[in-house]
Amino acid sequence: MPCYIIDAAALRRNLTVLKGVADRTGARILLAQKAFSCAATYPLCARYLASTTARSLARGGALGTTRPTVNRHGT
């Protein structure tokens, strides 16, 4: 069984940078779950990021559309 060690302080620093970018620019920064699939860190990420997204394969093998799965801002 794989084991992942996450430096929570480093993650928090990086999330703070992303939140700063979002605040200064008005950008909505999303957590891409397939690129970062560590559910244990989602509560921490939710404090800093606008929402999450997941991609799935559509019919015919083409990538589907981005689907928001969590949206804290109601948009």
N, C-alpha and C. Protein backbone atom coordinates (compact mmCIF):
# COMPACT_ATOMS: atom_id res chain seq x y z
N MET A 1 0.85 -1.17 0.00
CA MET A 1 0.00 0.00 0.00
C MET A 1 0.90 1.24 0.00
N PRO A 2 0.64 2.19 -0.91
CA PRO A 2 1.49 3.39 -0.96
C PRO A 2 1.28 4.28 0.26
N CYS A 3 2.31 5.01 0.57
CA CYS A 3 2.27 5.95 1.68
C CYS A 3 2.79 7.30 1.17
N TYR A 4 2.06 8.35 1.45
CA TYR A 4 2.46 9.69 1.02
C TYR A 4 2.72 10.55 2.25
N ILE A 5 3.83 11.23 2.24
CA ILE A 5 4.16 12.15 3.33
C ILE A 5 3.97 13.56 2.79
N ILE A 6 3.14 14.33 3.46
CA ILE A 6 2.83 15.68 3.02
C ILE A 6 3.34 16.66 4.06
N ASP A 7 4.11 17.63 3.60
CA ASP A 7 4.60 18.70 4.46
C ASP A 7 3.48 19.73 4.56
N ALA A 8 2.70 19.67 5.64
CA ALA A 8 1.53 20.55 5.79
C ALA A 8 1.93 22.02 5.80
N ALA A 9 3.07 22.34 6.38
CA ALA A 9 3.52 23.74 6.42
C ALA A 9 3.83 24.24 5.01
N ALA A 10 4.49 23.42 4.20
CA ALA A 10 4.80 23.80 2.82
C ALA A 10 3.52 23.92 2.00
N LEU A 11 2.58 23.00 2.20
CA LEU A 11 1.30 23.06 1.49
C LEU A 11 0.57 24.35 1.86
N ARG A 12 0.55 24.69 3.14
CA ARG A 12 -0.11 25.91 3.60
C ARG A 12 0.54 27.15 2.99
N ARG A 13 1.88 27.17 2.93
CA ARG A 13 2.59 28.30 2.30
C ARG A 13 2.19 28.44 0.83
N ASN A 14 2.16 27.32 0.11
CA ASN A 14 1.80 27.35 -1.31
C ASN A 14 0.35 27.79 -1.50
N LEU A 15 -0.54 27.30 -0.64
CA LEU A 15 -1.94 27.71 -0.73
C LEU A 15 -2.11 29.20 -0.43
N THR A 16 -1.31 29.72 0.49
CA THR A 16 -1.35 31.15 0.80
C THR A 16 -0.93 31.98 -0.41
N VAL A 17 0.09 31.51 -1.12
CA VAL A 17 0.51 32.20 -2.35
C VAL A 17 -0.62 32.18 -3.37
N LEU A 18 -1.24 31.03 -3.58
CA LEU A 18 -2.35 30.93 -4.54
C LEU A 18 -3.52 31.82 -4.15
N LYS A 19 -3.84 31.86 -2.86
CA LYS A 19 -4.93 32.73 -2.38
C LYS A 19 -4.58 34.19 -2.63
N GLY A 20 -3.33 34.56 -2.43
CA GLY A 20 -2.89 35.94 -2.70
C GLY A 20 -3.05 36.30 -4.17
N VAL A 21 -2.68 35.38 -5.05
CA VAL A 21 -2.85 35.61 -6.49
C VAL A 21 -4.33 35.80 -6.82
N ALA A 22 -5.16 34.93 -6.28
CA ALA A 22 -6.61 35.02 -6.53
C ALA A 22 -7.17 36.34 -6.02
N ASP A 23 -6.77 36.74 -4.84
CA ASP A 23 -7.27 37.99 -4.25
C ASP A 23 -6.84 39.21 -5.06
N ARG A 24 -5.59 39.21 -5.54
CA ARG A 24 -5.07 40.36 -6.29
C ARG A 24 -5.61 40.44 -7.70
N THR A 25 -5.90 39.31 -8.31
CA THR A 25 -6.25 39.29 -9.73
C THR A 25 -7.73 39.01 -10.01
N GLY A 26 -8.43 38.49 -9.03
CA GLY A 26 -9.82 38.10 -9.27
C GLY A 26 -9.94 36.73 -9.92
N ALA A 27 -8.83 36.05 -10.11
CA ALA A 27 -8.85 34.71 -10.70
C ALA A 27 -9.48 33.72 -9.72
N ARG A 28 -10.13 32.72 -10.25
CA ARG A 28 -10.65 31.62 -9.43
C ARG A 28 -9.71 30.44 -9.60
N ILE A 29 -9.03 30.07 -8.56
CA ILE A 29 -8.07 28.97 -8.62
C ILE A 29 -8.76 27.71 -8.10
N LEU A 30 -8.71 26.66 -8.91
CA LEU A 30 -9.38 25.40 -8.60
C LEU A 30 -8.39 24.31 -8.26
N LEU A 31 -8.80 23.38 -7.44
CA LEU A 31 -8.02 22.18 -7.14
C LEU A 31 -8.38 21.12 -8.16
N ALA A 32 -7.42 20.68 -8.96
CA ALA A 32 -7.64 19.61 -9.94
C ALA A 32 -7.43 18.27 -9.24
N GLN A 33 -8.51 17.57 -8.99
CA GLN A 33 -8.44 16.36 -8.16
C GLN A 33 -7.64 15.23 -8.77
N LYS A 34 -7.63 15.09 -10.08
CA LYS A 34 -6.82 14.01 -10.66
C LYS A 34 -5.34 14.32 -10.57
N ALA A 35 -5.00 15.60 -10.64
CA ALA A 35 -3.60 15.98 -10.52
C ALA A 35 -3.14 15.92 -9.06
N PHE A 36 -4.05 16.10 -8.14
CA PHE A 36 -3.72 16.09 -6.72
C PHE A 36 -4.87 15.40 -6.00
N SER A 37 -4.76 14.12 -5.81
CA SER A 37 -5.84 13.36 -5.22
C SER A 37 -5.47 12.88 -3.83
N CYS A 38 -5.47 13.80 -2.89
CA CYS A 38 -5.16 13.46 -1.50
C CYS A 38 -6.27 14.04 -0.63
N ALA A 39 -7.32 13.26 -0.47
CA ALA A 39 -8.53 13.72 0.22
C ALA A 39 -8.26 14.24 1.63
N ALA A 40 -7.23 13.75 2.27
CA ALA A 40 -6.94 14.20 3.64
C ALA A 40 -6.59 15.68 3.70
N THR A 41 -6.15 16.25 2.59
CA THR A 41 -5.77 17.67 2.58
C THR A 41 -6.89 18.58 2.07
N TYR A 42 -8.00 18.02 1.61
CA TYR A 42 -9.08 18.83 1.03
C TYR A 42 -9.64 19.88 1.99
N PRO A 43 -9.85 19.57 3.27
CA PRO A 43 -10.35 20.61 4.17
C PRO A 43 -9.40 21.82 4.26
N LEU A 44 -8.12 21.58 4.27
CA LEU A 44 -7.15 22.67 4.29
C LEU A 44 -7.22 23.46 2.98
N CYS A 45 -7.23 22.76 1.86
CA CYS A 45 -7.28 23.41 0.55
C CYS A 45 -8.55 24.25 0.39
N ALA A 46 -9.65 23.77 0.94
CA ALA A 46 -10.93 24.47 0.81
C ALA A 46 -10.90 25.85 1.45
N ARG A 47 -10.01 26.06 2.42
CA ARG A 47 -9.90 27.37 3.07
C ARG A 47 -9.26 28.41 2.16
N TYR A 48 -8.54 27.95 1.13
CA TYR A 48 -7.75 28.85 0.30
C TYR A 48 -8.21 28.92 -1.16
N LEU A 49 -8.81 27.86 -1.68
CA LEU A 49 -9.13 27.78 -3.11
C LEU A 49 -10.62 27.97 -3.36
N ALA A 50 -10.97 28.40 -4.58
CA ALA A 50 -12.35 28.71 -4.93
C ALA A 50 -13.22 27.46 -4.99
N SER A 51 -12.74 26.40 -5.59
CA SER A 51 -13.52 25.17 -5.70
C SER A 51 -12.62 24.06 -6.21
N THR A 52 -13.21 22.94 -6.56
CA THR A 52 -12.46 21.82 -7.09
C THR A 52 -13.03 21.43 -8.45
N THR A 53 -12.28 20.65 -9.18
CA THR A 53 -12.75 20.17 -10.47
C THR A 53 -12.22 18.77 -10.71
N ALA A 54 -12.94 18.02 -11.52
CA ALA A 54 -12.51 16.68 -11.92
C ALA A 54 -12.85 16.49 -13.38
N ARG A 55 -12.01 15.80 -14.10
CA ARG A 55 -12.28 15.50 -15.50
C ARG A 55 -12.53 14.01 -15.62
N SER A 56 -13.35 13.66 -16.57
CA SER A 56 -13.60 12.25 -16.81
C SER A 56 -13.61 12.01 -18.31
N LEU A 57 -13.52 10.76 -18.69
CA LEU A 57 -13.57 10.44 -20.11
C LEU A 57 -15.01 10.43 -20.58
N ALA A 58 -15.23 11.13 -21.66
CA ALA A 58 -16.57 11.16 -22.26
C ALA A 58 -16.68 10.02 -23.25
N ARG A 59 -17.87 9.83 -23.84
CA ARG A 59 -18.05 8.80 -24.86
C ARG A 59 -17.04 8.98 -25.98
N GLY A 60 -16.53 7.91 -26.48
CA GLY A 60 -15.57 7.97 -27.56
C GLY A 60 -14.14 8.19 -27.10
N GLY A 61 -13.92 8.27 -25.81
CA GLY A 61 -12.57 8.41 -25.29
C GLY A 61 -12.04 9.83 -25.22
N ALA A 62 -12.81 10.82 -25.66
CA ALA A 62 -12.36 12.21 -25.59
C ALA A 62 -12.55 12.73 -24.17
N LEU A 63 -11.74 13.67 -23.78
CA LEU A 63 -11.88 14.24 -22.45
C LEU A 63 -13.21 14.97 -22.34
N GLY A 64 -13.85 14.80 -21.21
CA GLY A 64 -15.12 15.48 -20.96
C GLY A 64 -14.88 16.91 -20.50
N THR A 65 -15.94 17.57 -20.16
CA THR A 65 -15.84 18.95 -19.71
C THR A 65 -15.45 18.98 -18.24
N THR A 66 -14.93 20.09 -17.82
CA THR A 66 -14.60 20.28 -16.42
C THR A 66 -15.90 20.42 -15.64
N ARG A 67 -16.00 19.70 -14.55
CA ARG A 67 -17.21 19.72 -13.75
C ARG A 67 -16.90 20.16 -12.33
N PRO A 68 -17.38 21.30 -11.89
CA PRO A 68 -17.14 21.68 -10.50
C PRO A 68 -17.82 20.70 -9.56
N THR A 69 -17.10 20.25 -8.55
CA THR A 69 -17.69 19.33 -7.60
C THR A 69 -17.90 19.99 -6.24
N VAL A 70 -17.15 21.03 -5.96
CA VAL A 70 -17.32 21.78 -4.73
C VAL A 70 -17.18 23.24 -5.10
N ASN A 71 -18.09 24.06 -4.64
CA ASN A 71 -18.01 25.48 -4.96
C ASN A 71 -18.44 26.26 -3.73
N ARG A 72 -17.49 26.88 -3.07
CA ARG A 72 -17.77 27.59 -1.84
C ARG A 72 -18.38 28.97 -2.09
N HIS A 73 -18.30 29.48 -3.32
CA HIS A 73 -18.72 30.85 -3.59
C HIS A 73 -20.06 30.96 -4.29
N GLY A 74 -20.73 29.86 -4.50
CA GLY A 74 -22.07 29.88 -5.05
C GLY A 74 -22.16 30.26 -6.51
N THR A 75 -21.06 30.15 -7.26
CA THR A 75 -21.11 30.45 -8.71
C THR A 75 -20.70 29.25 -9.50
